Protein backbone atom coordinates (compact mmCIF):
# COMPACT_ATOMS: atom_id res chain seq x y z
CA MET A 1 -28.14 5.65 4.10
CA PRO A 2 -24.32 6.00 4.16
CA ARG A 3 -22.43 4.14 6.81
CA THR A 4 -20.77 6.33 9.43
CA THR A 5 -17.66 5.63 11.42
CA THR A 6 -16.48 7.08 14.64
CA ALA A 7 -13.31 9.08 14.22
CA PRO A 8 -10.56 8.89 16.82
CA THR A 9 -10.95 11.26 19.72
CA GLU A 10 -8.86 14.35 20.13
CA SER A 11 -7.81 13.47 23.68
CA THR A 12 -4.52 15.00 24.68
CA THR A 13 -2.32 15.14 27.71
CA ALA A 14 -1.09 18.68 28.33
CA GLY A 15 -1.63 19.46 24.64
CA ARG A 16 0.44 16.49 23.35
CA ARG A 17 -0.78 13.14 22.11
CA THR A 18 0.80 10.01 23.48
CA GLY A 19 2.48 7.52 21.20
CA SER A 20 -0.19 4.91 21.88
CA GLN A 21 -2.96 7.39 21.00
CA THR A 22 -1.25 8.24 17.74
CA ALA A 23 -0.64 4.57 16.91
CA ALA A 24 -4.28 3.69 17.64
CA ASP A 25 -5.53 6.58 15.51
CA LEU A 26 -3.19 5.65 12.65
CA ALA A 27 -4.42 2.04 12.75
CA PHE A 28 -8.07 3.18 12.76
CA LEU A 29 -7.59 5.64 9.91
CA CYS A 30 -5.65 3.17 7.75
CA ARG A 31 -8.43 0.60 8.19
CA ALA A 32 -11.08 3.22 7.38
CA MET A 33 -9.18 4.22 4.24
CA LYS A 34 -8.41 0.59 3.37
CA ALA A 35 -4.68 1.38 3.23
CA PRO A 36 -2.89 -1.53 4.91
CA ALA A 37 0.46 -0.85 3.21
CA LEU A 38 0.46 2.64 4.68
CA LEU A 39 0.04 1.22 8.18
CA ASP A 40 2.85 -1.29 7.60
CA ALA A 41 5.27 1.34 6.29
CA ALA A 42 4.45 4.27 8.59
CA ASP A 43 6.73 3.32 11.49
CA ARG A 44 9.71 2.45 9.30
CA LEU A 45 9.29 5.61 7.27
CA ALA A 46 8.85 7.73 10.42
CA GLU A 47 12.16 6.45 11.80
CA ARG A 48 13.89 7.15 8.48
CA ALA A 49 12.29 10.61 8.34
CA ARG A 50 13.66 11.43 11.80
CA LYS A 51 17.18 10.27 10.87
CA GLU A 52 17.20 12.13 7.56
CA SER A 53 15.32 15.23 8.82
CA TRP A 54 12.46 14.98 6.32
CA THR A 55 9.74 17.59 6.27
CA HIS A 56 6.17 16.54 7.05
CA ALA A 57 5.34 16.76 3.36
CA GLU A 58 8.27 14.50 2.39
CA TYR A 59 7.16 11.93 4.96
CA LEU A 60 3.58 12.05 3.68
CA VAL A 61 4.75 11.63 0.08
CA ALA A 62 6.86 8.58 1.05
CA CYS A 63 3.90 6.99 2.87
CA LEU A 64 1.52 7.60 -0.01
CA GLN A 65 4.06 6.32 -2.55
CA ARG A 66 4.26 3.07 -0.59
CA GLU A 67 0.48 2.67 -0.59
CA VAL A 68 0.17 3.46 -4.31
CA SER A 69 2.93 0.98 -5.13
CA ALA A 70 1.21 -1.74 -3.10
CA ARG A 71 -2.15 -1.05 -4.72
CA GLU A 72 -0.66 -1.17 -8.22
CA SER A 73 1.05 -4.50 -7.62
CA HIS A 74 -1.92 -6.09 -5.85
CA GLY A 75 -4.38 -4.65 -8.35
CA GLY A 76 -2.69 -6.53 -11.17
CA GLU A 77 -2.86 -9.76 -9.21
CA ALA A 78 -6.56 -9.25 -8.54
CA ARG A 79 -7.29 -8.60 -12.22
CA VAL A 80 -5.44 -11.78 -13.23
CA ARG A 81 -7.43 -13.80 -10.66
CA ALA A 82 -10.69 -12.20 -11.84
CA ALA A 83 -9.85 -13.15 -15.45
CA ARG A 84 -9.63 -16.82 -14.35
CA PHE A 85 -6.79 -17.70 -16.69
CA PRO A 86 -5.93 -21.42 -16.59
CA ALA A 87 -2.26 -20.60 -15.93
CA ILE A 88 -0.19 -17.49 -15.46
CA LYS A 89 2.73 -17.27 -17.86
CA THR A 90 5.54 -14.78 -18.04
CA ILE A 91 7.70 -13.66 -20.94
CA GLU A 92 10.64 -15.52 -19.37
CA GLU A 93 8.76 -18.80 -19.89
CA LEU A 94 8.43 -18.22 -23.64
CA ASP A 95 10.26 -20.92 -25.62
CA VAL A 96 11.44 -19.24 -28.82
CA THR A 97 13.34 -22.34 -29.99
CA HIS A 98 10.15 -24.31 -30.56
CA PRO A 99 7.56 -22.31 -32.56
CA ARG A 100 4.05 -23.75 -32.45
CA GLY A 101 2.81 -22.41 -35.75
CA PRO A 102 3.98 -22.01 -39.32
CA ALA A 103 7.12 -19.99 -39.88
CA PRO A 104 6.33 -16.30 -40.47
CA TRP A 105 8.49 -16.06 -43.59
């Protein structure tokens, strides 16, 4: 049977949500969606959106871009850990002055 979660309530005060209600709902929804980068970036991006007069869609795109970027970078790290390589090497560590095999010519 699928697991169910309780969604945030729609409680309002005179038709408007308070900042603490919105923050609590955002935290709940980000945990439910397993989107921690979105939660971390939401406040900073909201402030920037206010200053630069972004539309709601532009703000949403910026938030989702941040989450996708975080998932892509962390996903690579997880795949490297899962591969259990003995050491992680980068192209910058390649020593081209000391070839380890016969010359290709």
